[in-house]
């Protein structure tokens, strides 16, 4: 009976060690994905800021043209 219990315990420990390694591998893969997602997010934020600057410049140019047109019409 003692030998059977010891054998079961060894198997359980072996299973736990294997599960731990699998979890470590999954964790490492998730960390890589997280780093990529952070990089993508940063790139998207920079792109958004650039687009907002362009839109602001375009809006200013349109406003200037409207004012010029209003001045000429008056």
PDB file of N, CA and C in Angstrom:
ATOM      1  N   UNK A   1       0.823  -1.185   0.000  1.00  0.00           N
ATOM      2  CA  UNK A   1       0.000   0.000   0.000  1.00  0.00           C
ATOM      3  C   UNK A   1       0.867   1.249   0.000  1.00  0.00           C
ATOM      4  N   UNK A   2       1.931   1.238   0.772  1.00  0.00           N
ATOM      5  CA  UNK A   2       2.843   2.368   0.837  1.00  0.00           C
ATOM      6  C   UNK A   2       3.500   2.606  -0.515  1.00  0.00           C
ATOM      7  N   UNK A   3       3.854   1.513  -1.192  1.00  0.00           N
ATOM      8  CA  UNK A   3       4.482   1.624  -2.513  1.00  0.00           C
ATOM      9  C   UNK A   3       3.510   2.222  -3.521  1.00  0.00           C
ATOM     10  N   UNK A   4       2.254   1.859  -3.443  1.00  0.00           N
ATOM     11  CA  UNK A   4       1.223   2.375  -4.335  1.00  0.00           C
ATOM     12  C   UNK A   4       1.022   3.876  -4.106  1.00  0.00           C
ATOM     13  N   UNK A   5       0.974   4.265  -2.850  1.00  0.00           N
ATOM     14  CA  UNK A   5       0.810   5.682  -2.515  1.00  0.00           C
ATOM     15  C   UNK A   5       2.006   6.491  -2.989  1.00  0.00           C
ATOM     16  N   UNK A   6       3.193   5.941  -2.797  1.00  0.00           N
ATOM     17  CA  UNK A   6       4.408   6.626  -3.232  1.00  0.00           C
ATOM     18  C   UNK A   6       4.431   6.769  -4.753  1.00  0.00           C
ATOM     19  N   UNK A   7       4.008   5.755  -5.434  1.00  0.00           N
ATOM     20  CA  UNK A   7       3.956   5.794  -6.891  1.00  0.00           C
ATOM     21  C   UNK A   7       2.963   6.850  -7.371  1.00  0.00           C
ATOM     22  N   UNK A   8       1.800   6.912  -6.720  1.00  0.00           N
ATOM     23  CA  UNK A   8       0.800   7.919  -7.070  1.00  0.00           C
ATOM     24  C   UNK A   8       1.336   9.323  -6.802  1.00  0.00           C
ATOM     25  N   UNK A   9       2.025   9.485  -5.683  1.00  0.00           N
ATOM     26  CA  UNK A   9       2.605  10.777  -5.340  1.00  0.00           C
ATOM     27  C   UNK A   9       3.651  11.199  -6.363  1.00  0.00           C
ATOM     28  N   UNK A  10       4.485  10.271  -6.785  1.00  0.00           N
ATOM     29  CA  UNK A  10       5.484  10.568  -7.802  1.00  0.00           C
ATOM     30  C   UNK A  10       4.818  11.008  -9.106  1.00  0.00           C
ATOM     31  N   UNK A  11       3.742  10.327  -9.462  1.00  0.00           N
ATOM     32  CA  UNK A  11       3.023  10.684 -10.694  1.00  0.00           C
ATOM     33  C   UNK A  11       2.409  12.072 -10.577  1.00  0.00           C
ATOM     34  N   UNK A  12       1.820  12.359  -9.423  1.00  0.00           N
ATOM     35  CA  UNK A  12       1.223  13.676  -9.209  1.00  0.00           C
ATOM     36  C   UNK A  12       2.276  14.775  -9.288  1.00  0.00           C
ATOM     37  N   UNK A  13       3.427  14.546  -8.662  1.00  0.00           N
ATOM     38  CA  UNK A  13       4.513  15.532  -8.710  1.00  0.00           C
ATOM     39  C   UNK A  13       4.978  15.718 -10.150  1.00  0.00           C
ATOM     40  N   UNK A  14       5.117  14.632 -10.858  1.00  0.00           N
ATOM     41  CA  UNK A  14       5.523  14.704 -12.265  1.00  0.00           C
ATOM     42  C   UNK A  14       4.506  15.496 -13.085  1.00  0.00           C
ATOM     43  N   UNK A  15       3.230  15.237 -12.866  1.00  0.00           N
ATOM     44  CA  UNK A  15       2.176  15.967 -13.563  1.00  0.00           C
ATOM     45  C   UNK A  15       2.231  17.460 -13.236  1.00  0.00           C
ATOM     46  N   UNK A  16       2.445  17.764 -11.972  1.00  0.00           N
ATOM     47  CA  UNK A  16       2.517  19.166 -11.563  1.00  0.00           C
ATOM     48  C   UNK A  16       3.714  19.876 -12.190  1.00  0.00           C
ATOM     49  N   UNK A  17       4.836  19.202 -12.243  1.00  0.00           N
ATOM     50  CA  UNK A  17       6.031  19.788 -12.864  1.00  0.00           C
ATOM     51  C   UNK A  17       5.763  20.045 -14.347  1.00  0.00           C
ATOM     52  N   UNK A  18       5.105  19.112 -15.008  1.00  0.00           N
ATOM     53  CA  UNK A  18       4.773  19.285 -16.420  1.00  0.00           C
ATOM     54  C   UNK A  18       3.799  20.437 -16.625  1.00  0.00           C
ATOM     55  N   UNK A  19       2.783  20.514 -15.760  1.00  0.00           N
ATOM     56  CA  UNK A  19       1.813  21.614 -15.857  1.00  0.00           C
ATOM     57  C   UNK A  19       2.495  22.961 -15.626  1.00  0.00           C
ATOM     58  N   UNK A  20       3.411  22.984 -14.672  1.00  0.00           N
ATOM     59  CA  UNK A  20       4.127  24.227 -14.402  1.00  0.00           C
ATOM     60  C   UNK A  20       4.903  24.664 -15.643  1.00  0.00           C
ATOM     61  N   UNK A  21       5.583  23.737 -16.297  1.00  0.00           N
ATOM     62  CA  UNK A  21       6.350  24.076 -17.490  1.00  0.00           C
ATOM     63  C   UNK A  21       5.440  24.569 -18.609  1.00  0.00           C
ATOM     64  N   UNK A  22       4.295  23.914 -18.766  1.00  0.00           N
ATOM     65  CA  UNK A  22       3.336  24.356 -19.775  1.00  0.00           C
ATOM     66  C   UNK A  22       2.848  25.774 -19.477  1.00  0.00           C
ATOM     67  N   UNK A  23       2.556  26.047 -18.203  1.00  0.00           N
ATOM     68  CA  UNK A  23       2.111  27.388 -17.819  1.00  0.00           C
ATOM     69  C   UNK A  23       3.210  28.425 -18.034  1.00  0.00           C
ATOM     70  N   UNK A  24       4.446  28.064 -17.750  1.00  0.00           N
ATOM     71  CA  UNK A  24       5.561  28.981 -17.995  1.00  0.00           C
ATOM     72  C   UNK A  24       5.699  29.281 -19.487  1.00  0.00           C
ATOM     73  N   UNK A  25       5.528  28.255 -20.314  1.00  0.00           N
ATOM     74  CA  UNK A  25       5.599  28.451 -21.764  1.00  0.00           C
ATOM     75  C   UNK A  25       4.474  29.361 -22.251  1.00  0.00           C
ATOM     76  N   UNK A  26       3.266  29.120 -21.748  1.00  0.00           N
ATOM     77  CA  UNK A  26       2.121  29.949 -22.118  1.00  0.00           C
ATOM     78  C   UNK A  26       2.352  31.391 -21.664  1.00  0.00           C
ATOM     79  N   UNK A  27       2.855  31.546 -20.445  1.00  0.00           N
ATOM     80  CA  UNK A  27       3.125  32.872 -19.907  1.00  0.00           C
ATOM     81  C   UNK A  27       4.151  33.606 -20.765  1.00  0.00           C
ATOM     82  N   UNK A  28       5.184  32.922 -21.193  1.00  0.00           N
ATOM     83  CA  UNK A  28       6.211  33.538 -22.039  1.00  0.00           C
ATOM     84  C   UNK A  28       5.602  33.968 -23.376  1.00  0.00           C
ATOM     85  N   UNK A  29       4.765  33.128 -23.950  1.00  0.00           N
ATOM     86  CA  UNK A  29       4.119  33.466 -25.217  1.00  0.00           C
ATOM     87  C   UNK A  29       3.187  34.669 -25.050  1.00  0.00           C
ATOM     88  N   UNK A  30       2.455  34.706 -23.946  1.00  0.00           N
ATOM     89  CA  UNK A  30       1.564  35.837 -23.685  1.00  0.00           C
ATOM     90  C   UNK A  30       2.351  37.125 -23.478  1.00  0.00           C
ATOM     91  N   UNK A  31       3.513  37.029 -22.839  1.00  0.00           N
ATOM     92  CA  UNK A  31       4.346  38.214 -22.656  1.00  0.00           C
ATOM     93  C   UNK A  31       4.839  38.751 -23.990  1.00  0.00           C
ATOM     94  N   UNK A  32       5.164  37.861 -24.905  1.00  0.00           N
ATOM     95  CA  UNK A  32       5.579  38.288 -26.247  1.00  0.00           C
ATOM     96  C   UNK A  32       4.407  38.990 -26.948  1.00  0.00           C
ATOM     97  N   UNK A  33       3.220  38.396 -26.872  1.00  0.00           N
ATOM     98  CA  UNK A  33       2.041  38.999 -27.481  1.00  0.00           C
ATOM     99  C   UNK A  33       1.732  40.354 -26.847  1.00  0.00           C
ATOM    100  N   UNK A  34       1.879  40.446 -25.534  1.00  0.00           N
ATOM    101  CA  UNK A  34       1.618  41.704 -24.843  1.00  0.00           C
ATOM    102  C   UNK A  34       2.590  42.780 -25.308  1.00  0.00           C
ATOM    103  N   UNK A  35       3.857  42.437 -25.425  1.00  0.00           N
ATOM    104  CA  UNK A  35       4.851  43.406 -25.894  1.00  0.00           C
ATOM    105  C   UNK A  35       4.506  43.875 -27.300  1.00  0.00           C
ATOM    106  N   UNK A  36       4.080  42.959 -28.161  1.00  0.00           N
ATOM    107  CA  UNK A  36       3.699  43.331 -29.532  1.00  0.00           C
ATOM    108  C   UNK A  36       2.471  44.230 -29.512  1.00  0.00           C
ATOM    109  N   UNK A  37       1.501  43.906 -28.668  1.00  0.00           N
ATOM    110  CA  UNK A  37       0.291  44.721 -28.571  1.00  0.00           C
ATOM    111  C   UNK A  37       0.632  46.128 -28.071  1.00  0.00           C
ATOM    112  N   UNK A  38       1.547  46.231 -27.126  1.00  0.00           N
ATOM    113  CA  UNK A  38       1.973  47.552 -26.641  1.00  0.00           C
ATOM    114  C   UNK A  38       2.649  48.342 -27.749  1.00  0.00           C
ATOM    115  N   UNK A  39       3.503  47.689 -28.529  1.00  0.00           N
ATOM    116  CA  UNK A  39       4.154  48.357 -29.657  1.00  0.00           C
ATOM    117  C   UNK A  39       3.122  48.823 -30.680  1.00  0.00           C
ATOM    118  N   UNK A  40       2.170  47.950 -30.990  1.00  0.00           N
ATOM    119  CA  UNK A  40       1.117  48.304 -31.941  1.00  0.00           C
ATOM    120  C   UNK A  40       0.298  49.492 -31.423  1.00  0.00           C
ATOM    121  N   UNK A  41      -0.016  49.464 -30.151  1.00  0.00           N
ATOM    122  CA  UNK A  41      -0.791  50.538 -29.540  1.00  0.00           C
ATOM    123  C   UNK A  41      -0.037  51.861 -29.628  1.00  0.00           C
ATOM    124  N   UNK A  42       1.238  51.825 -29.332  1.00  0.00           N
ATOM    125  CA  UNK A  42       2.047  53.039 -29.396  1.00  0.00           C
ATOM    126  C   UNK A  42       2.093  53.579 -30.831  1.00  0.00           C
ATOM    127  N   UNK A  43       2.256  52.694 -31.795  1.00  0.00           N
ATOM    128  CA  UNK A  43       2.278  53.108 -33.197  1.00  0.00           C
ATOM    129  C   UNK A  43       0.943  53.727 -33.606  1.00  0.00           C
ATOM    130  N   UNK A  44      -0.142  53.113 -33.171  1.00  0.00           N
ATOM    131  CA  UNK A  44      -1.461  53.645 -33.489  1.00  0.00           C
ATOM    132  C   UNK A  44      -1.690  55.007 -32.843  1.00  0.00           C
ATOM    133  N   UNK A  45      -1.218  55.176 -31.620  1.00  0.00           N
ATOM    134  CA  UNK A  45      -1.375  56.467 -30.953  1.00  0.00           C
ATOM    135  C   UNK A  45      -0.579  57.552 -31.675  1.00  0.00           C
ATOM    136  N   UNK A  46       0.639  57.222 -32.102  1.00  0.00           N
ATOM    137  CA  UNK A  46       1.437  58.191 -32.857  1.00  0.00           C
ATOM    138  C   UNK A  46       0.773  58.537 -34.176  1.00  0.00           C
ATOM    139  N   UNK A  47       0.244  57.533 -34.844  1.00  0.00           N
ATOM    140  CA  UNK A  47      -0.453  57.760 -36.106  1.00  0.00           C
ATOM    141  C   UNK A  47      -1.675  58.647 -35.893  1.00  0.00           C
ATOM    142  N   UNK A  48      -2.407  58.399 -34.826  1.00  0.00           N
ATOM    143  CA  UNK A  48      -3.581  59.207 -34.509  1.00  0.00           C
ATOM    144  C   UNK A  48      -3.185  60.659 -34.265  1.00  0.00           C
ATOM    145  N   UNK A  49      -2.117  60.870 -33.523  1.00  0.00           N
ATOM    146  CA  UNK A  49      -1.658  62.230 -33.255  1.00  0.00           C
ATOM    147  C   UNK A  49      -1.272  62.931 -34.556  1.00  0.00           C
ATOM    148  N   UNK A  50      -0.598  62.205 -35.447  1.00  0.00           N
ATOM    149  CA  UNK A  50      -0.230  62.790 -36.737  1.00  0.00           C
ATOM    150  C   UNK A  50      -1.468  63.160 -37.541  1.00  0.00           C
ATOM    151  N   UNK A  51      -2.459  62.280 -37.544  1.00  0.00           N
ATOM    152  CA  UNK A  51      -3.700  62.556 -38.269  1.00  0.00           C
ATOM    153  C   UNK A  51      -4.433  63.759 -37.674  1.00  0.00           C
ATOM    154  N   UNK A  52      -4.431  63.863 -36.347  1.00  0.00           N
ATOM    155  CA  UNK A  52      -5.083  65.003 -35.699  1.00  0.00           C
ATOM    156  C   UNK A  52      -4.378  66.302 -36.067  1.00  0.00           C
ATOM    157  N   UNK A  53      -3.048  66.277 -36.135  1.00  0.00           N
ATOM    158  CA  UNK A  53      -2.299  67.471 -36.542  1.00  0.00           C
ATOM    159  C   UNK A  53      -2.641  67.857 -37.978  1.00  0.00           C
ATOM    160  N   UNK A  54      -2.696  66.854 -38.863  1.00  0.00           N
ATOM    161  CA  UNK A  54      -3.038  67.135 -40.257  1.00  0.00           C
ATOM    162  C   UNK A  54      -4.456  67.701 -40.363  1.00  0.00           C
ATOM    163  N   UNK A  55      -5.386  67.125 -39.609  1.00  0.00           N
ATOM    164  CA  UNK A  55      -6.760  67.611 -39.650  1.00  0.00           C
ATOM    165  C   UNK A  55      -6.854  69.034 -39.113  1.00  0.00           C
ATOM    166  N   UNK A  56      -6.070  69.317 -38.065  1.00  0.00           N
ATOM    167  CA  UNK A  56      -6.058  70.672 -37.519  1.00  0.00           C
ATOM    168  C   UNK A  56      -5.521  71.667 -38.533  1.00  0.00           C
ATOM    169  N   UNK A  57      -4.448  71.288 -39.222  1.00  0.00           N
ATOM    170  CA  UNK A  57      -3.875  72.163 -40.246  1.00  0.00           C
ATOM    171  C   UNK A  57      -4.862  72.358 -41.397  1.00  0.00           C
ATOM    172  N   UNK A  58      -5.527  71.276 -41.783  1.00  0.00           N
ATOM    173  CA  UNK A  58      -6.516  71.375 -42.862  1.00  0.00           C
ATOM    174  C   UNK A  58      -7.681  72.258 -42.448  1.00  0.00           C
ATOM    175  N   UNK A  59      -8.144  72.110 -41.232  1.00  0.00           N
ATOM    176  CA  UNK A  59      -9.251  72.929 -40.729  1.00  0.00           C
ATOM    177  C   UNK A  59      -8.849  74.399 -40.707  1.00  0.00           C
ATOM    178  N   UNK A  60      -7.620  74.682 -40.307  1.00  0.00           N
ATOM    179  CA  UNK A  60      -7.147  76.067 -40.283  1.00  0.00           C
ATOM    180  C   UNK A  60      -7.091  76.645 -41.697  1.00  0.00           C
ATOM    181  N   UNK A  61      -6.633  75.859 -42.652  1.00  0.00           N
ATOM    182  CA  UNK A  61      -6.574  76.323 -44.037  1.00  0.00           C
ATOM    183  C   UNK A  61      -7.977  76.574 -44.587  1.00  0.00           C
ATOM    184  N   UNK A  62      -8.898  75.663 -44.279  1.00  0.00           N
ATOM    185  CA  UNK A  62     -10.278  75.848 -44.734  1.00  0.00           C
ATOM    186  C   UNK A  62     -10.879  77.104 -44.116  1.00  0.00           C
ATOM    187  N   UNK A  63     -10.632  77.289 -42.840  1.00  0.00           N
ATOM    188  CA  UNK A  63     -11.163  78.484 -42.170  1.00  0.00           C
ATOM    189  C   UNK A  63     -10.597  79.754 -42.793  1.00  0.00           C
ATOM    190  N   UNK A  64      -9.311  79.743 -43.102  1.00  0.00           N
ATOM    191  CA  UNK A  64      -8.691  80.903 -43.743  1.00  0.00           C
ATOM    192  C   UNK A  64      -9.310  81.154 -45.120  1.00  0.00           C
ATOM    193  N   UNK A  65      -9.564  80.091 -45.878  1.00  0.00           N
ATOM    194  CA  UNK A  65     -10.187  80.248 -47.190  1.00  0.00           C
ATOM    195  C   UNK A  65     -11.608  80.787 -47.074  1.00  0.00           C
ATOM    196  N   UNK A  66     -12.355  80.298 -46.086  1.00  0.00           N
ATOM    197  CA  UNK A  66     -13.716  80.788 -45.864  1.00  0.00           C
ATOM    198  C   UNK A  66     -13.685  82.271 -45.513  1.00  0.00           C
ATOM    199  N   UNK A  67     -12.756  82.662 -44.667  1.00  0.00           N
ATOM    200  CA  UNK A  67     -12.647  84.068 -44.282  1.00  0.00           C
ATOM    201  C   UNK A  67     -12.279  84.935 -45.488  1.00  0.00           C
ATOM    202  N   UNK A  68     -11.356  84.426 -46.312  1.00  0.00           N
ATOM    203  CA  UNK A  68     -10.969  85.169 -47.513  1.00  0.00           C
ATOM    204  C   UNK A  68     -12.169  85.312 -48.445  1.00  0.00           C
ATOM    205  N   UNK A  69     -12.898  84.205 -48.609  1.00  0.00           N
ATOM    206  CA  UNK A  69     -14.061  84.242 -49.484  1.00  0.00           C
ATOM    207  C   UNK A  69     -15.120  85.196 -48.941  1.00  0.00           C
ATOM    208  N   UNK A  70     -15.301  85.230 -47.637  1.00  0.00           N
ATOM    209  CA  UNK A  70     -16.269  86.124 -47.013  1.00  0.00           C
ATOM    210  C   UNK A  70     -15.850  87.575 -47.207  1.00  0.00           C
ATOM    211  N   UNK A  71     -14.557  87.829 -47.104  1.00  0.00           N
ATOM    212  CA  UNK A  71     -14.033  89.195 -47.270  1.00  0.00           C
ATOM    213  C   UNK A  71     -14.228  89.656 -48.705  1.00  0.00           C
ATOM    214  N   UNK A  72     -13.966  88.784 -49.650  1.00  0.00           N
ATOM    215  CA  UNK A  72     -14.106  89.135 -51.063  1.00  0.00           C
ATOM    216  C   UNK A  72     -15.572  89.352 -51.412  1.00  0.00           C
ATOM    217  N   UNK A  73     -16.463  88.565 -50.810  1.00  0.00           N
ATOM    218  CA  UNK A  73     -17.901  88.685 -51.101  1.00  0.00           C
ATOM    219  C   UNK A  73     -18.479  89.961 -50.533  1.00  0.00           C
ATOM    220  N   UNK A  74     -17.915  90.423 -49.439  1.00  0.00           N
ATOM    221  CA  UNK A  74     -18.478  91.580 -48.763  1.00  0.00           C
ATOM    222  C   UNK A  74     -18.133  92.869 -49.396  1.00  0.00           C
TER     223      UNK A  74
END
